[in-house]
Amino acid sequence: MTGEVATIIAAAIAATGALVGVFSGIIVGRRQVTDQASVEHGQWLRGQRQEAYTVFLAAWDAGIWEFGEMIREPYALIHAAETYEGDGFEEMQKHLYEKSFLTWQSMQRPLERVQLLGPDSVDEACTSLAAAADALETAARVNSGTPEWPDYRAIGDAHDLAQEAREQFLKASRQAMRTPPHPSR
């Protein structure tokens, strides 16, 4: 019986080894597929981010230009307000409020897309960008509807804030784009 027991034990060990090999192959295969899916998703997300960042920067720069255009020719608006039949300064104020609102809105949608895609460091930079855009909108409206418009100090401060926020965004987005996708463990 010792020969038969040895044969049975050897067969049990072989069967156990085969089962362990099959199960470890399944586990390793699943892990490999999971890692591959994670890397592919990371590559897709990276492409989406790159597109969103580029679109946002174009919208941001266009919006900054629009805010600048509002105040580049203040005397034309003031002269129009002074010669307007009725309350020209009130009309000027309405015009500035509407134009500054629409300019901020043109920047907001691309900013929201960037915020959806992350990562957290870019989200924080987007918060600064939104605050800077709000400051620009407010600065463009300071003293509107009066001959004292525009308030160059408020506009200058808001523009400096906008430049700092853009630099912070560029730094965060560069870091996000330069980090290669990797499998999550």
N, C-alpha and C. Protein backbone atom coordinates (compact mmCIF):
# COMPACT_ATOMS: atom_id res chain seq x y z
N MET A 1 0.79 -1.20 0.00
CA MET A 1 0.00 0.00 0.00
C MET A 1 0.83 1.27 0.00
N THR A 2 1.98 1.19 0.40
CA THR A 2 2.80 2.37 0.42
C THR A 2 3.06 2.88 -0.98
N GLY A 3 3.17 2.01 -1.94
CA GLY A 3 3.35 2.45 -3.32
C GLY A 3 2.10 3.12 -3.85
N GLU A 4 0.94 2.52 -3.47
CA GLU A 4 -0.33 3.10 -3.93
C GLU A 4 -0.57 4.45 -3.25
N VAL A 5 -0.24 4.58 -1.97
CA VAL A 5 -0.41 5.83 -1.24
C VAL A 5 0.52 6.90 -1.84
N ALA A 6 1.72 6.50 -2.15
CA ALA A 6 2.66 7.44 -2.75
C ALA A 6 2.15 7.92 -4.11
N THR A 7 1.55 7.03 -4.89
CA THR A 7 1.01 7.40 -6.18
C THR A 7 -0.17 8.35 -6.01
N ILE A 8 -1.01 8.06 -5.04
CA ILE A 8 -2.18 8.92 -4.78
C ILE A 8 -1.71 10.30 -4.31
N ILE A 9 -0.73 10.33 -3.44
CA ILE A 9 -0.21 11.60 -2.93
C ILE A 9 0.43 12.39 -4.08
N ALA A 10 1.19 11.72 -4.91
CA ALA A 10 1.83 12.39 -6.05
C ALA A 10 0.77 12.93 -7.00
N ALA A 11 -0.29 12.15 -7.24
CA ALA A 11 -1.38 12.61 -8.12
C ALA A 11 -2.10 13.81 -7.50
N ALA A 12 -2.31 13.79 -6.18
CA ALA A 12 -2.98 14.90 -5.50
C ALA A 12 -2.13 16.17 -5.57
N ILE A 13 -0.81 15.98 -5.39
CA ILE A 13 0.08 17.13 -5.48
C ILE A 13 0.08 17.70 -6.90
N ALA A 14 0.11 16.83 -7.88
CA ALA A 14 0.08 17.27 -9.28
C ALA A 14 -1.23 17.98 -9.60
N ALA A 15 -2.33 17.44 -9.12
CA ALA A 15 -3.64 18.07 -9.37
C ALA A 15 -3.71 19.42 -8.67
N THR A 16 -3.20 19.50 -7.45
CA THR A 16 -3.20 20.76 -6.70
C THR A 16 -2.32 21.78 -7.43
N GLY A 17 -1.17 21.35 -7.90
CA GLY A 17 -0.28 22.23 -8.65
C GLY A 17 -0.93 22.74 -9.93
N ALA A 18 -1.64 21.85 -10.61
CA ALA A 18 -2.33 22.26 -11.84
C ALA A 18 -3.42 23.27 -11.52
N LEU A 19 -4.18 23.05 -10.46
CA LEU A 19 -5.23 24.00 -10.08
C LEU A 19 -4.64 25.34 -9.66
N VAL A 20 -3.56 25.31 -8.90
CA VAL A 20 -2.90 26.55 -8.50
C VAL A 20 -2.40 27.29 -9.74
N GLY A 21 -1.82 26.55 -10.67
CA GLY A 21 -1.34 27.17 -11.91
C GLY A 21 -2.46 27.79 -12.71
N VAL A 22 -3.59 27.12 -12.81
CA VAL A 22 -4.73 27.65 -13.55
C VAL A 22 -5.26 28.90 -12.86
N PHE A 23 -5.44 28.82 -11.54
CA PHE A 23 -5.99 29.98 -10.82
C PHE A 23 -5.03 31.16 -10.82
N SER A 24 -3.74 30.89 -10.67
CA SER A 24 -2.78 32.01 -10.70
C SER A 24 -2.73 32.61 -12.10
N GLY A 25 -2.88 31.77 -13.13
CA GLY A 25 -2.93 32.28 -14.51
C GLY A 25 -4.15 33.17 -14.72
N ILE A 26 -5.26 32.77 -14.14
CA ILE A 26 -6.48 33.59 -14.24
C ILE A 26 -6.28 34.92 -13.50
N ILE A 27 -5.71 34.85 -12.32
CA ILE A 27 -5.50 36.06 -11.53
C ILE A 27 -4.51 36.99 -12.23
N VAL A 28 -3.41 36.44 -12.73
CA VAL A 28 -2.42 37.26 -13.43
C VAL A 28 -3.03 37.83 -14.70
N GLY A 29 -3.79 37.04 -15.42
CA GLY A 29 -4.45 37.52 -16.65
C GLY A 29 -5.43 38.64 -16.37
N ARG A 30 -6.22 38.46 -15.32
CA ARG A 30 -7.17 39.52 -14.96
C ARG A 30 -6.43 40.80 -14.57
N ARG A 31 -5.36 40.65 -13.84
CA ARG A 31 -4.59 41.81 -13.42
C ARG A 31 -4.00 42.53 -14.63
N GLN A 32 -3.52 41.75 -15.58
CA GLN A 32 -2.93 42.33 -16.78
C GLN A 32 -4.00 43.09 -17.58
N VAL A 33 -5.18 42.53 -17.70
CA VAL A 33 -6.26 43.19 -18.42
C VAL A 33 -6.68 44.45 -17.67
N THR A 34 -6.77 44.38 -16.35
CA THR A 34 -7.13 45.55 -15.55
C THR A 34 -6.09 46.65 -15.70
N ASP A 35 -4.82 46.27 -15.64
CA ASP A 35 -3.75 47.26 -15.81
C ASP A 35 -3.79 47.89 -17.19
N GLN A 36 -4.01 47.08 -18.21
CA GLN A 36 -4.08 47.60 -19.58
C GLN A 36 -5.26 48.56 -19.72
N ALA A 37 -6.40 48.20 -19.15
CA ALA A 37 -7.57 49.08 -19.22
C ALA A 37 -7.30 50.40 -18.48
N SER A 38 -6.61 50.30 -17.36
CA SER A 38 -6.28 51.51 -16.59
C SER A 38 -5.37 52.43 -17.39
N VAL A 39 -4.37 51.88 -18.04
CA VAL A 39 -3.45 52.68 -18.84
C VAL A 39 -4.18 53.29 -20.04
N GLU A 40 -5.02 52.51 -20.70
CA GLU A 40 -5.76 53.03 -21.85
C GLU A 40 -6.70 54.15 -21.43
N HIS A 41 -7.36 53.99 -20.29
CA HIS A 41 -8.23 55.07 -19.79
C HIS A 41 -7.40 56.31 -19.47
N GLY A 42 -6.23 56.11 -18.87
CA GLY A 42 -5.34 57.23 -18.57
C GLY A 42 -4.92 57.96 -19.83
N GLN A 43 -4.64 57.21 -20.90
CA GLN A 43 -4.26 57.84 -22.17
C GLN A 43 -5.43 58.61 -22.76
N TRP A 44 -6.62 58.03 -22.69
CA TRP A 44 -7.82 58.71 -23.20
C TRP A 44 -8.05 60.01 -22.41
N LEU A 45 -7.97 59.90 -21.07
CA LEU A 45 -8.20 61.06 -20.21
C LEU A 45 -7.16 62.14 -20.48
N ARG A 46 -5.93 61.74 -20.70
CA ARG A 46 -4.87 62.68 -21.00
C ARG A 46 -5.16 63.43 -22.30
N GLY A 47 -5.64 62.73 -23.31
CA GLY A 47 -6.02 63.37 -24.58
C GLY A 47 -7.17 64.35 -24.39
N GLN A 48 -8.17 63.95 -23.60
CA GLN A 48 -9.30 64.84 -23.32
C GLN A 48 -8.85 66.08 -22.58
N ARG A 49 -7.96 65.90 -21.63
CA ARG A 49 -7.44 67.04 -20.88
C ARG A 49 -6.67 67.99 -21.79
N GLN A 50 -5.83 67.42 -22.63
CA GLN A 50 -5.03 68.26 -23.52
C GLN A 50 -5.94 69.12 -24.40
N GLU A 51 -6.97 68.51 -24.95
CA GLU A 51 -7.91 69.27 -25.79
C GLU A 51 -8.64 70.33 -24.97
N ALA A 52 -9.12 69.95 -23.79
CA ALA A 52 -9.86 70.90 -22.95
C ALA A 52 -8.98 72.05 -22.50
N TYR A 53 -7.73 71.77 -22.14
CA TYR A 53 -6.82 72.82 -21.70
C TYR A 53 -6.55 73.80 -22.84
N THR A 54 -6.34 73.26 -24.03
CA THR A 54 -6.05 74.12 -25.19
C THR A 54 -7.26 74.99 -25.53
N VAL A 55 -8.44 74.40 -25.55
CA VAL A 55 -9.66 75.16 -25.85
C VAL A 55 -9.89 76.22 -24.78
N PHE A 56 -9.66 75.85 -23.52
CA PHE A 56 -9.87 76.81 -22.45
C PHE A 56 -8.89 77.99 -22.56
N LEU A 57 -7.61 77.71 -22.79
CA LEU A 57 -6.65 78.80 -22.90
C LEU A 57 -6.99 79.75 -24.04
N ALA A 58 -7.49 79.21 -25.14
CA ALA A 58 -7.92 80.08 -26.25
C ALA A 58 -9.11 80.94 -25.82
N ALA A 59 -10.07 80.34 -25.13
CA ALA A 59 -11.24 81.10 -24.65
C ALA A 59 -10.82 82.12 -23.60
N TRP A 60 -9.89 81.75 -22.73
CA TRP A 60 -9.41 82.67 -21.69
C TRP A 60 -8.74 83.88 -22.33
N ASP A 61 -7.83 83.62 -23.26
CA ASP A 61 -7.11 84.72 -23.90
C ASP A 61 -8.06 85.63 -24.67
N ALA A 62 -9.05 85.04 -25.34
CA ALA A 62 -10.05 85.84 -26.05
C ALA A 62 -10.88 86.67 -25.06
N GLY A 63 -11.22 86.08 -23.93
CA GLY A 63 -11.98 86.80 -22.91
C GLY A 63 -11.20 87.96 -22.31
N ILE A 64 -9.91 87.72 -22.05
CA ILE A 64 -9.06 88.79 -21.52
C ILE A 64 -8.98 89.93 -22.54
N TRP A 65 -8.86 89.56 -23.81
CA TRP A 65 -8.83 90.58 -24.88
C TRP A 65 -10.14 91.37 -24.89
N GLU A 66 -11.26 90.68 -24.75
CA GLU A 66 -12.58 91.35 -24.75
C GLU A 66 -12.69 92.32 -23.57
N PHE A 67 -12.24 91.89 -22.39
CA PHE A 67 -12.27 92.80 -21.24
C PHE A 67 -11.41 94.02 -21.53
N GLY A 68 -10.28 93.81 -22.15
CA GLY A 68 -9.40 94.92 -22.51
C GLY A 68 -10.05 95.84 -23.52
N GLU A 69 -10.75 95.27 -24.48
CA GLU A 69 -11.44 96.07 -25.50
C GLU A 69 -12.49 96.98 -24.88
N MET A 70 -13.11 96.52 -23.80
CA MET A 70 -14.15 97.32 -23.15
C MET A 70 -13.59 98.63 -22.63
N ILE A 71 -12.33 98.62 -22.23
CA ILE A 71 -11.79 99.83 -21.61
C ILE A 71 -10.76 100.54 -22.48
N ARG A 72 -10.45 100.01 -23.64
CA ARG A 72 -9.44 100.66 -24.50
C ARG A 72 -9.92 101.98 -25.08
N GLU A 73 -11.17 102.08 -25.34
CA GLU A 73 -11.73 103.30 -25.92
C GLU A 73 -12.81 103.89 -25.01
N PRO A 74 -12.45 104.23 -23.78
CA PRO A 74 -13.49 104.72 -22.86
C PRO A 74 -14.09 106.05 -23.31
N TYR A 75 -13.28 106.88 -23.97
CA TYR A 75 -13.78 108.20 -24.33
C TYR A 75 -14.88 108.11 -25.38
N ALA A 76 -14.79 107.14 -26.26
CA ALA A 76 -15.86 106.97 -27.26
C ALA A 76 -17.17 106.63 -26.56
N LEU A 77 -17.12 105.75 -25.55
CA LEU A 77 -18.34 105.41 -24.81
C LEU A 77 -18.83 106.60 -24.00
N ILE A 78 -17.90 107.30 -23.35
CA ILE A 78 -18.31 108.45 -22.55
C ILE A 78 -18.90 109.54 -23.44
N HIS A 79 -18.28 109.80 -24.58
CA HIS A 79 -18.81 110.79 -25.51
C HIS A 79 -20.19 110.36 -26.01
N ALA A 80 -20.34 109.11 -26.34
CA ALA A 80 -21.65 108.61 -26.78
C ALA A 80 -22.68 108.78 -25.67
N ALA A 81 -22.27 108.52 -24.42
CA ALA A 81 -23.20 108.65 -23.30
C ALA A 81 -23.59 110.10 -23.08
N GLU A 82 -22.62 111.00 -23.26
CA GLU A 82 -22.91 112.42 -23.04
C GLU A 82 -23.82 113.00 -24.12
N THR A 83 -23.71 112.49 -25.33
CA THR A 83 -24.50 113.03 -26.45
C THR A 83 -25.77 112.24 -26.69
N TYR A 84 -25.98 111.16 -25.97
CA TYR A 84 -27.15 110.31 -26.15
C TYR A 84 -28.39 111.04 -25.65
N GLU A 85 -29.47 110.92 -26.41
CA GLU A 85 -30.73 111.52 -25.95
C GLU A 85 -31.29 110.62 -24.87
N GLY A 86 -31.58 111.19 -23.75
CA GLY A 86 -32.01 110.40 -22.60
C GLY A 86 -30.84 110.25 -21.65
N ASP A 87 -30.83 109.19 -20.87
CA ASP A 87 -29.75 108.95 -19.92
C ASP A 87 -28.69 108.06 -20.55
N GLY A 88 -27.72 108.69 -21.19
CA GLY A 88 -26.67 107.96 -21.89
C GLY A 88 -25.77 107.17 -20.95
N PHE A 89 -25.53 107.70 -19.75
CA PHE A 89 -24.67 106.98 -18.82
C PHE A 89 -25.34 105.71 -18.33
N GLU A 90 -26.65 105.75 -18.18
CA GLU A 90 -27.38 104.55 -17.80
C GLU A 90 -27.28 103.50 -18.91
N GLU A 91 -27.38 103.95 -20.16
CA GLU A 91 -27.25 103.05 -21.31
C GLU A 91 -25.84 102.48 -21.38
N MET A 92 -24.84 103.32 -21.11
CA MET A 92 -23.46 102.86 -21.10
C MET A 92 -23.27 101.79 -20.02
N GLN A 93 -23.85 102.02 -18.86
CA GLN A 93 -23.74 101.06 -17.76
C GLN A 93 -24.38 99.73 -18.15
N LYS A 94 -25.56 99.79 -18.75
CA LYS A 94 -26.23 98.56 -19.20
C LYS A 94 -25.36 97.82 -20.22
N HIS A 95 -24.79 98.58 -21.15
CA HIS A 95 -23.93 97.99 -22.18
C HIS A 95 -22.73 97.28 -21.53
N LEU A 96 -22.07 97.95 -20.58
CA LEU A 96 -20.90 97.36 -19.93
C LEU A 96 -21.26 96.13 -19.10
N TYR A 97 -22.38 96.19 -18.42
CA TYR A 97 -22.81 95.04 -17.63
C TYR A 97 -23.08 93.84 -18.53
N GLU A 98 -23.79 94.09 -19.62
CA GLU A 98 -24.12 93.00 -20.54
C GLU A 98 -22.85 92.44 -21.20
N LYS A 99 -22.00 93.32 -21.69
CA LYS A 99 -20.79 92.87 -22.38
C LYS A 99 -19.84 92.13 -21.43
N SER A 100 -19.68 92.62 -20.21
CA SER A 100 -18.79 91.94 -19.25
C SER A 100 -19.38 90.59 -18.84
N PHE A 101 -20.69 90.52 -18.69
CA PHE A 101 -21.34 89.25 -18.36
C PHE A 101 -21.15 88.23 -19.48
N LEU A 102 -21.38 88.65 -20.72
CA LEU A 102 -21.23 87.74 -21.86
C LEU A 102 -19.78 87.29 -22.05
N THR A 103 -18.86 88.19 -21.78
CA THR A 103 -17.44 87.83 -21.89
C THR A 103 -17.09 86.76 -20.87
N TRP A 104 -17.51 86.92 -19.64
CA TRP A 104 -17.24 85.93 -18.60
C TRP A 104 -17.92 84.61 -18.94
N GLN A 105 -19.13 84.68 -19.47
CA GLN A 105 -19.84 83.45 -19.86
C GLN A 105 -19.09 82.70 -20.96
N SER A 106 -18.48 83.42 -21.89
CA SER A 106 -17.73 82.75 -22.97
C SER A 106 -16.51 82.02 -22.43
N MET A 107 -16.03 82.41 -21.29
CA MET A 107 -14.87 81.75 -20.66
C MET A 107 -15.31 80.63 -19.72
N GLN A 108 -16.52 80.73 -19.21
CA GLN A 108 -16.96 79.82 -18.15
C GLN A 108 -17.18 78.39 -18.63
N ARG A 109 -17.79 78.19 -19.79
CA ARG A 109 -18.06 76.83 -20.27
C ARG A 109 -16.77 76.02 -20.47
N PRO A 110 -15.78 76.56 -21.17
CA PRO A 110 -14.52 75.81 -21.30
C PRO A 110 -13.84 75.56 -19.94
N LEU A 111 -13.98 76.52 -19.02
CA LEU A 111 -13.41 76.35 -17.69
C LEU A 111 -14.09 75.19 -16.96
N GLU A 112 -15.39 75.08 -17.09
CA GLU A 112 -16.12 73.99 -16.44
C GLU A 112 -15.71 72.63 -17.01
N ARG A 113 -15.45 72.56 -18.31
CA ARG A 113 -15.00 71.30 -18.91
C ARG A 113 -13.65 70.89 -18.33
N VAL A 114 -12.76 71.86 -18.16
CA VAL A 114 -11.46 71.57 -17.56
C VAL A 114 -11.65 71.06 -16.13
N GLN A 115 -12.56 71.69 -15.39
CA GLN A 115 -12.80 71.27 -14.02
C GLN A 115 -13.35 69.85 -13.96
N LEU A 116 -14.15 69.46 -14.93
CA LEU A 116 -14.68 68.09 -14.96
C LEU A 116 -13.58 67.05 -15.14
N LEU A 117 -12.54 67.41 -15.87
CA LEU A 117 -11.50 66.45 -16.21
C LEU A 117 -10.37 66.37 -15.18
N GLY A 118 -10.27 67.41 -14.32
CA GLY A 118 -9.26 67.37 -13.27
C GLY A 118 -7.85 67.45 -13.80
N PRO A 119 -6.91 67.04 -13.00
CA PRO A 119 -6.89 66.54 -11.62
C PRO A 119 -7.07 67.66 -10.60
N ASP A 120 -6.91 67.32 -9.33
CA ASP A 120 -7.17 68.28 -8.25
C ASP A 120 -6.33 69.55 -8.37
N SER A 121 -5.07 69.43 -8.76
CA SER A 121 -4.22 70.62 -8.87
C SER A 121 -4.76 71.58 -9.93
N VAL A 122 -5.30 71.04 -11.01
CA VAL A 122 -5.88 71.88 -12.06
C VAL A 122 -7.20 72.47 -11.56
N ASP A 123 -7.97 71.70 -10.79
CA ASP A 123 -9.21 72.23 -10.21
C ASP A 123 -8.93 73.45 -9.34
N GLU A 124 -7.88 73.37 -8.54
CA GLU A 124 -7.51 74.50 -7.68
C GLU A 124 -7.13 75.72 -8.53
N ALA A 125 -6.39 75.48 -9.59
CA ALA A 125 -6.02 76.58 -10.49
C ALA A 125 -7.26 77.17 -11.15
N CYS A 126 -8.23 76.33 -11.47
CA CYS A 126 -9.48 76.81 -12.08
C CYS A 126 -10.26 77.70 -11.12
N THR A 127 -10.20 77.38 -9.84
CA THR A 127 -10.86 78.22 -8.84
C THR A 127 -10.24 79.62 -8.85
N SER A 128 -8.91 79.67 -8.96
CA SER A 128 -8.23 80.98 -9.05
C SER A 128 -8.60 81.71 -10.34
N LEU A 129 -8.71 80.97 -11.43
CA LEU A 129 -9.10 81.58 -12.71
C LEU A 129 -10.52 82.15 -12.64
N ALA A 130 -11.42 81.41 -12.04
CA ALA A 130 -12.80 81.90 -11.91
C ALA A 130 -12.85 83.16 -11.06
N ALA A 131 -12.08 83.18 -9.97
CA ALA A 131 -12.04 84.37 -9.12
C ALA A 131 -11.46 85.56 -9.89
N ALA A 132 -10.44 85.30 -10.70
CA ALA A 132 -9.83 86.37 -11.50
C ALA A 132 -10.81 86.89 -12.55
N ALA A 133 -11.56 86.01 -13.18
CA ALA A 133 -12.55 86.45 -14.17
C ALA A 133 -13.66 87.26 -13.50
N ASP A 134 -14.07 86.83 -12.32
CA ASP A 134 -15.06 87.62 -11.56
C ASP A 134 -14.51 89.01 -11.25
N ALA A 135 -13.24 89.05 -10.86
CA ALA A 135 -12.61 90.34 -10.55
C ALA A 135 -12.55 91.24 -11.78
N LEU A 136 -12.24 90.65 -12.94
CA LEU A 136 -12.22 91.43 -14.19
C LEU A 136 -13.61 91.96 -14.52
N GLU A 137 -14.60 91.11 -14.36
CA GLU A 137 -15.97 91.53 -14.65
C GLU A 137 -16.37 92.69 -13.74
N THR A 138 -16.05 92.57 -12.46
CA THR A 138 -16.37 93.62 -11.50
C THR A 138 -15.59 94.90 -11.80
N ALA A 139 -14.30 94.76 -12.11
CA ALA A 139 -13.46 95.92 -12.39
C ALA A 139 -13.94 96.68 -13.62
N ALA A 140 -14.41 95.96 -14.62
CA ALA A 140 -14.90 96.62 -15.84
C ALA A 140 -16.16 97.43 -15.54
N ARG A 141 -16.85 97.08 -14.47
CA ARG A 141 -18.11 97.76 -14.14
C ARG A 141 -17.94 98.90 -13.14
N VAL A 142 -16.78 98.96 -12.47
CA VAL A 142 -16.58 100.01 -11.46
C VAL A 142 -16.71 101.38 -12.11
N ASN A 143 -17.54 102.22 -11.50
CA ASN A 143 -17.82 103.58 -11.97
C ASN A 143 -18.51 103.62 -13.32
N SER A 144 -19.01 102.48 -13.80
CA SER A 144 -19.72 102.53 -15.09
C SER A 144 -20.99 103.35 -14.91
N GLY A 145 -21.34 104.02 -15.94
CA GLY A 145 -22.50 104.90 -15.87
C GLY A 145 -22.13 106.28 -15.36
N THR A 146 -20.83 106.56 -15.25
CA THR A 146 -20.37 107.88 -14.80
C THR A 146 -19.21 108.32 -15.69
N PRO A 147 -18.94 109.62 -15.69
CA PRO A 147 -17.77 110.10 -16.46
C PRO A 147 -16.43 109.62 -15.88
N GLU A 148 -16.42 109.11 -14.65
CA GLU A 148 -15.18 108.64 -14.01
C GLU A 148 -14.79 107.23 -14.47
N TRP A 149 -15.63 106.62 -15.28
CA TRP A 149 -15.31 105.28 -15.76
C TRP A 149 -14.25 105.39 -16.84
N PRO A 150 -13.33 104.52 -16.97
CA PRO A 150 -13.05 103.30 -16.22
C PRO A 150 -12.13 103.56 -15.03
N ASP A 151 -12.17 102.64 -14.06
CA ASP A 151 -11.30 102.69 -12.90
C ASP A 151 -10.05 101.87 -13.24
N TYR A 152 -9.03 102.57 -13.70
CA TYR A 152 -7.83 101.88 -14.18
C TYR A 152 -7.10 101.11 -13.07
N ARG A 153 -7.18 101.59 -11.85
CA ARG A 153 -6.52 100.88 -10.74
C ARG A 153 -7.19 99.54 -10.52
N ALA A 154 -8.51 99.51 -10.46
CA ALA A 154 -9.24 98.26 -10.25
C ALA A 154 -9.00 97.30 -11.42
N ILE A 155 -8.98 97.85 -12.62
CA ILE A 155 -8.75 97.02 -13.81
C ILE A 155 -7.33 96.46 -13.80
N GLY A 156 -6.36 97.29 -13.44
CA GLY A 156 -4.97 96.82 -13.36
C GLY A 156 -4.79 95.72 -12.33
N ASP A 157 -5.40 95.90 -11.15
CA ASP A 157 -5.31 94.87 -10.11
C ASP A 157 -5.95 93.56 -10.58
N ALA A 158 -7.11 93.67 -11.22
CA ALA A 158 -7.80 92.48 -11.71
C ALA A 158 -6.98 91.80 -12.82
N HIS A 159 -6.37 92.60 -13.67
CA HIS A 159 -5.56 92.03 -14.74
C HIS A 159 -4.34 91.30 -14.16
N ASP A 160 -3.70 91.87 -13.14
CA ASP A 160 -2.56 91.21 -12.48
C ASP A 160 -3.00 89.87 -11.87
N LEU A 161 -4.16 89.88 -11.22
CA LEU A 161 -4.72 88.65 -10.64
C LEU A 161 -4.97 87.61 -11.72
N ALA A 162 -5.48 88.06 -12.87
CA ALA A 162 -5.75 87.15 -13.98
C ALA A 162 -4.47 86.54 -14.53
N GLN A 163 -3.41 87.34 -14.62
CA GLN A 163 -2.12 86.83 -15.11
C GLN A 163 -1.55 85.79 -14.15
N GLU A 164 -1.63 86.06 -12.85
CA GLU A 164 -1.14 85.10 -11.85
C GLU A 164 -1.94 83.80 -11.92
N ALA A 165 -3.24 83.91 -12.06
CA ALA A 165 -4.09 82.72 -12.14
C ALA A 165 -3.78 81.91 -13.39
N ARG A 166 -3.52 82.58 -14.51
CA ARG A 166 -3.18 81.88 -15.75
C ARG A 166 -1.87 81.13 -15.59
N GLU A 167 -0.89 81.77 -14.96
CA GLU A 167 0.41 81.11 -14.74
C GLU A 167 0.25 79.90 -13.83
N GLN A 168 -0.57 80.01 -12.80
CA GLN A 168 -0.84 78.88 -11.90
C GLN A 168 -1.50 77.75 -12.68
N PHE A 169 -2.45 78.09 -13.55
CA PHE A 169 -3.11 77.08 -14.37
C PHE A 169 -2.12 76.39 -15.30
N LEU A 170 -1.26 77.17 -15.95
CA LEU A 170 -0.27 76.58 -16.86
C LEU A 170 0.64 75.61 -16.12
N LYS A 171 1.06 75.99 -14.93
CA LYS A 171 1.94 75.12 -14.14
C LYS A 171 1.22 73.81 -13.79
N ALA A 172 -0.01 73.92 -13.32
CA ALA A 172 -0.77 72.72 -12.94
C ALA A 172 -1.09 71.85 -14.16
N SER A 173 -1.45 72.48 -15.27
CA SER A 173 -1.80 71.69 -16.46
C SER A 173 -0.56 71.04 -17.07
N ARG A 174 0.59 71.71 -17.03
CA ARG A 174 1.83 71.08 -17.50
C ARG A 174 2.15 69.84 -16.68
N GLN A 175 2.01 69.96 -15.38
CA GLN A 175 2.28 68.82 -14.50
C GLN A 175 1.32 67.67 -14.81
N ALA A 176 0.06 67.98 -15.02
CA ALA A 176 -0.92 66.95 -15.33
C ALA A 176 -0.62 66.27 -16.67
N MET A 177 -0.20 67.05 -17.65
CA MET A 177 0.06 66.49 -18.97
C MET A 177 1.39 65.72 -19.01
N ARG A 178 2.31 66.06 -18.18
CA ARG A 178 3.62 65.39 -18.20
C ARG A 178 3.67 64.14 -17.35
N THR A 179 2.62 63.88 -16.60
CA THR A 179 2.56 62.67 -15.79
C THR A 179 1.99 61.56 -16.66
N PRO A 180 2.80 60.53 -16.96
CA PRO A 180 2.31 59.48 -17.85
C PRO A 180 1.28 58.60 -17.15
N PRO A 181 0.36 58.03 -17.93
CA PRO A 181 -0.60 57.11 -17.34
C PRO A 181 0.12 55.85 -16.83
N HIS A 182 -0.36 55.29 -15.75
CA HIS A 182 0.24 54.07 -15.20
C HIS A 182 -0.86 53.22 -14.60
N PRO A 183 -0.59 51.91 -14.51
CA PRO A 183 -1.61 51.03 -13.90
C PRO A 183 -1.79 51.35 -12.43
N SER A 184 -3.01 51.30 -11.99
CA SER A 184 -3.27 51.56 -10.56
C SER A 184 -3.07 50.25 -9.80
N ARG A 185 -2.45 50.36 -8.68
CA ARG A 185 -2.19 49.16 -7.86
C ARG A 185 -2.86 49.33 -6.54
